Amino acid sequence: MLSPTKLPTPSSDWDKIKISDSGEIFVNKKQMSMADFSAECQRLKQAGGGAVIFFDTQHSELSRAAVEGQQKLIDAGVTMKIAQKESDLE
C-alpha cells in the first residue's frame, strides 16, 4: 500500500498554468500577478494539488520571468508536469 505522501494527486486538484517569456502567468486561463500566483502555489501545496505547466516561448531557453514563475512552484513544493504544447492544457 502507498503511503499518503506517495498517492497520486487527484486530477481535480491540478492547475493548468501558462507562463510567457514576458512573465505573463495564466492559471486555468485567468491572468494572475506574480504575487497572486505565489499565493496560488501555496494554496496548491496545502491542498495537495499539482500543476501542468506550459512555457509559451519561441526560444530553447526559458526567460528570466518564466524561470521566476517556475521557481514559485518549486519553492512551494508543488508537483509539476510539463506540457509540450499549449493544447495539452485543454
C-alpha atoms as a PDB file:
ATOM      1  CA  MET A   1       0.000   0.000   0.000  1.00  0.00           C
ATOM      2  CA  LEU A   2       1.227   3.511  -0.823  1.00  0.00           C
ATOM      3  CA  SER A   3       1.879   5.916   1.999  1.00  0.00           C
ATOM      4  CA  PRO A   4      -0.248   9.113   1.967  1.00  0.00           C
ATOM      5  CA  THR A   5       2.671  11.150   0.585  1.00  0.00           C
ATOM      6  CA  LYS A   6       3.044   8.757  -2.362  1.00  0.00           C
ATOM      7  CA  LEU A   7      -0.583   8.800  -3.514  1.00  0.00           C
ATOM      8  CA  PRO A   8      -1.174  10.407  -6.920  1.00  0.00           C
ATOM      9  CA  THR A   9      -2.710  13.880  -6.902  1.00  0.00           C
ATOM     10  CA  PRO A  10      -6.399  13.812  -7.901  1.00  0.00           C
ATOM     11  CA  SER A  11      -6.888  15.346 -11.346  1.00  0.00           C
ATOM     12  CA  SER A  12      -9.327  17.955  -9.988  1.00  0.00           C
ATOM     13  CA  ASP A  13      -6.532  19.471  -7.861  1.00  0.00           C
ATOM     14  CA  TRP A  14      -4.299  20.236 -10.859  1.00  0.00           C
ATOM     15  CA  ASP A  15      -3.947  23.824 -12.095  1.00  0.00           C
ATOM     16  CA  LYS A  16      -3.232  24.415 -15.780  1.00  0.00           C
ATOM     17  CA  ILE A  17      -0.562  27.101 -15.994  1.00  0.00           C
ATOM     18  CA  LYS A  18       0.831  29.045 -18.937  1.00  0.00           C
ATOM     19  CA  ILE A  19       3.879  31.281 -18.470  1.00  0.00           C
ATOM     20  CA  SER A  20       5.073  33.550 -21.279  1.00  0.00           C
ATOM     21  CA  ASP A  21       8.584  34.836 -21.955  1.00  0.00           C
ATOM     22  CA  SER A  22       7.457  38.261 -20.735  1.00  0.00           C
ATOM     23  CA  GLY A  23       6.297  36.791 -17.417  1.00  0.00           C
ATOM     24  CA  GLU A  24       2.556  36.792 -18.009  1.00  0.00           C
ATOM     25  CA  ILE A  25       1.019  33.999 -15.940  1.00  0.00           C
ATOM     26  CA  PHE A  26      -2.322  32.368 -16.651  1.00  0.00           C
ATOM     27  CA  VAL A  27      -3.805  29.870 -14.210  1.00  0.00           C
ATOM     28  CA  ASN A  28      -6.769  27.973 -15.615  1.00  0.00           C
ATOM     29  CA  LYS A  29      -6.946  30.677 -18.343  1.00  0.00           C
ATOM     30  CA  LYS A  30      -7.121  33.531 -15.796  1.00  0.00           C
ATOM     31  CA  GLN A  31      -4.235  36.014 -15.771  1.00  0.00           C
ATOM     32  CA  MET A  32      -2.530  36.469 -12.387  1.00  0.00           C
ATOM     33  CA  SER A  33       0.110  38.760 -10.972  1.00  0.00           C
ATOM     34  CA  MET A  34       3.284  37.143  -9.627  1.00  0.00           C
ATOM     35  CA  ALA A  35       2.080  37.858  -6.057  1.00  0.00           C
ATOM     36  CA  ASP A  36      -1.277  36.172  -6.695  1.00  0.00           C
ATOM     37  CA  PHE A  37       0.500  33.270  -8.413  1.00  0.00           C
ATOM     38  CA  SER A  38       2.756  32.827  -5.398  1.00  0.00           C
ATOM     39  CA  ALA A  39      -0.330  32.626  -3.161  1.00  0.00           C
ATOM     40  CA  GLU A  40      -1.928  30.117  -5.568  1.00  0.00           C
ATOM     41  CA  CYS A  41       1.206  27.953  -5.391  1.00  0.00           C
ATOM     42  CA  GLN A  42       0.933  27.893  -1.598  1.00  0.00           C
ATOM     43  CA  ARG A  43      -2.785  27.032  -1.846  1.00  0.00           C
ATOM     44  CA  LEU A  44      -1.999  24.181  -4.240  1.00  0.00           C
ATOM     45  CA  LYS A  45       0.639  22.803  -1.894  1.00  0.00           C
ATOM     46  CA  GLN A  46      -1.725  22.913   1.090  1.00  0.00           C
ATOM     47  CA  ALA A  47      -4.444  21.199  -0.984  1.00  0.00           C
ATOM     48  CA  GLY A  48      -2.023  18.516  -2.135  1.00  0.00           C
ATOM     49  CA  GLY A  49      -2.529  19.658  -5.717  1.00  0.00           C
ATOM     50  CA  GLY A  50      -0.256  19.858  -8.702  1.00  0.00           C
ATOM     51  CA  ALA A  51       0.342  21.886 -11.837  1.00  0.00           C
ATOM     52  CA  VAL A  52       0.524  21.202 -15.551  1.00  0.00           C
ATOM     53  CA  ILE A  53       2.752  23.974 -16.848  1.00  0.00           C
ATOM     54  CA  PHE A  54       3.340  25.245 -20.387  1.00  0.00           C
ATOM     55  CA  PHE A  55       6.078  27.726 -21.214  1.00  0.00           C
ATOM     56  CA  ASP A  56       4.993  29.947 -24.114  1.00  0.00           C
ATOM     57  CA  THR A  57       8.396  30.648 -25.610  1.00  0.00           C
ATOM     58  CA  GLN A  58       9.919  30.891 -29.063  1.00  0.00           C
ATOM     59  CA  HIS A  59      13.362  30.031 -27.699  1.00  0.00           C
ATOM     60  CA  SER A  60      15.048  26.886 -26.465  1.00  0.00           C
ATOM     61  CA  GLU A  61      15.838  28.634 -23.172  1.00  0.00           C
ATOM     62  CA  LEU A  62      13.392  29.998 -20.631  1.00  0.00           C
ATOM     63  CA  SER A  63      13.345  33.722 -19.973  1.00  0.00           C
ATOM     64  CA  ARG A  64      14.197  35.040 -16.530  1.00  0.00           C
ATOM     65  CA  ALA A  65      10.484  35.808 -15.992  1.00  0.00           C
ATOM     66  CA  ALA A  66       9.462  32.237 -16.896  1.00  0.00           C
ATOM     67  CA  VAL A  67      12.083  30.806 -14.549  1.00  0.00           C
ATOM     68  CA  GLU A  68      10.808  33.069 -11.751  1.00  0.00           C
ATOM     69  CA  GLY A  69       7.298  31.676 -12.234  1.00  0.00           C
ATOM     70  CA  GLN A  70       8.522  28.086 -12.223  1.00  0.00           C
ATOM     71  CA  GLN A  71      10.576  28.807  -9.103  1.00  0.00           C
ATOM     72  CA  LYS A  72       7.381  29.786  -7.224  1.00  0.00           C
ATOM     73  CA  LEU A  73       6.054  26.259  -7.853  1.00  0.00           C
ATOM     74  CA  ILE A  74       9.361  24.686  -6.824  1.00  0.00           C
ATOM     75  CA  ASP A  75       9.607  26.782  -3.649  1.00  0.00           C
ATOM     76  CA  ALA A  76       6.064  25.771  -2.663  1.00  0.00           C
ATOM     77  CA  GLY A  77       6.863  22.105  -3.324  1.00  0.00           C
ATOM     78  CA  VAL A  78       4.082  21.689  -5.904  1.00  0.00           C
ATOM     79  CA  THR A  79       4.194  18.595  -8.124  1.00  0.00           C
ATOM     80  CA  MET A  80       4.626  19.645 -11.768  1.00  0.00           C
ATOM     81  CA  LYS A  81       4.103  18.120 -15.179  1.00  0.00           C
ATOM     82  CA  ILE A  82       5.443  19.940 -18.234  1.00  0.00           C
ATOM     83  CA  ALA A  83       3.077  20.360 -21.189  1.00  0.00           C
ATOM     84  CA  GLN A  84       4.830  20.126 -24.570  1.00  0.00           C
ATOM     85  CA  LYS A  85       2.213  22.255 -26.340  1.00  0.00           C
ATOM     86  CA  GLU A  86      -0.434  24.716 -25.260  1.00  0.00           C
ATOM     87  CA  SER A  87      -3.257  22.405 -26.370  1.00  0.00           C
ATOM     88  CA  ASP A  88      -2.119  19.996 -23.622  1.00  0.00           C
ATOM     89  CA  LEU A  89      -3.675  22.453 -21.154  1.00  0.00           C
ATOM     90  CA  GLU A  90      -7.181  21.848 -22.539  1.00  0.00           C
END
